[in-house]
Protein backbone atom coordinates (compact mmCIF):
# COMPACT_ATOMS: atom_id res chain seq x y z
CA MET A 1 114.12 84.63 106.08
CA LYS A 2 117.57 85.51 105.56
CA LYS A 3 118.19 87.90 102.63
CA ASN A 4 120.04 86.56 99.88
CA MET A 5 120.18 88.73 97.03
CA GLY A 6 122.37 91.47 96.44
CA ASN A 7 121.38 95.08 95.15
CA ALA A 8 122.59 94.41 91.41
CA ASP A 9 120.16 91.42 91.63
CA ARG A 10 117.48 93.20 92.98
CA ILE A 11 117.93 96.28 90.62
CA ILE A 12 118.11 93.77 87.41
CA ARG A 13 114.85 92.34 88.74
CA VAL A 14 113.19 95.30 89.07
CA ILE A 15 114.17 96.42 85.48
CA LEU A 16 112.89 93.04 84.12
CA ALA A 17 109.83 93.28 85.80
CA GLY A 18 109.30 96.87 83.93
CA VAL A 19 109.98 95.62 80.86
CA LEU A 20 107.82 92.73 81.07
CA ALA A 21 104.97 94.80 82.38
CA GLY A 22 105.81 97.46 79.72
CA LEU A 23 105.58 94.57 76.76
CA TYR A 24 102.28 93.37 78.14
CA PHE A 25 100.57 96.79 78.70
CA GLY A 26 101.95 97.97 74.89
CA ASN A 27 100.19 95.21 73.64
CA VAL A 28 103.59 93.85 72.27
CA VAL A 29 102.98 90.33 73.98
CA THR A 30 99.33 89.26 74.48
CA GLY A 31 97.39 86.63 75.35
CA THR A 32 98.31 83.86 77.68
CA LEU A 33 102.08 84.13 77.41
CA GLY A 34 101.22 88.23 77.93
CA ILE A 35 99.84 87.26 81.47
CA VAL A 36 102.38 84.45 82.02
CA LEU A 37 105.54 87.33 81.44
CA VAL A 38 103.35 89.73 84.05
CA ALA A 39 103.26 87.01 86.56
CA LEU A 40 106.77 86.29 86.62
CA GLY A 41 107.62 89.91 86.23
CA GLY A 42 105.32 90.22 89.40
CA VAL A 43 107.52 87.52 90.77
CA PHE A 44 110.55 89.31 90.13
CA LEU A 45 109.21 92.38 91.39
CA LEU A 46 108.02 90.76 94.81
CA THR A 47 111.36 89.10 95.57
CA SER A 48 113.35 92.00 94.93
CA LEU A 49 111.53 94.18 97.37
CA ILE A 50 112.00 91.23 99.67
CA GLY A 51 115.57 90.73 99.14
CA PHE A 52 114.95 86.69 99.45
CA CYS A 53 114.63 84.38 96.44
CA PRO A 54 113.22 81.00 97.44
CA LEU A 55 114.95 79.12 93.98
CA TYR A 56 118.41 80.63 95.54
CA ALA A 57 118.18 78.68 98.82
CA PRO A 58 118.17 75.18 97.93
CA PHE A 59 121.49 75.72 95.54
CA GLY A 60 122.98 77.57 98.65
CA ILE A 61 123.21 80.82 96.02
CA LYS A 62 123.75 84.30 97.86
CA THR A 63 124.09 87.48 95.84
CA CYS A 64 124.38 89.47 99.01
CA LYS A 65 127.56 90.59 100.69
CA THR A 66 128.29 88.35 103.90
CA LYS A 67 129.05 90.39 107.05
């Protein structure tokens, strides 16, 4: 897997994952929607740590700097 996410994209995803987790664990969003948002936050966190977004690949999107 080649990296296709830049630093700004990765930072935004980590922040969004934190916000989604905070909403769930702060009991602002509960139930099925809360679980879905936590799972989405987990995906955001995982893709930001890896630096690769599978949805970017089919569309040829790259937010990282090319060398």
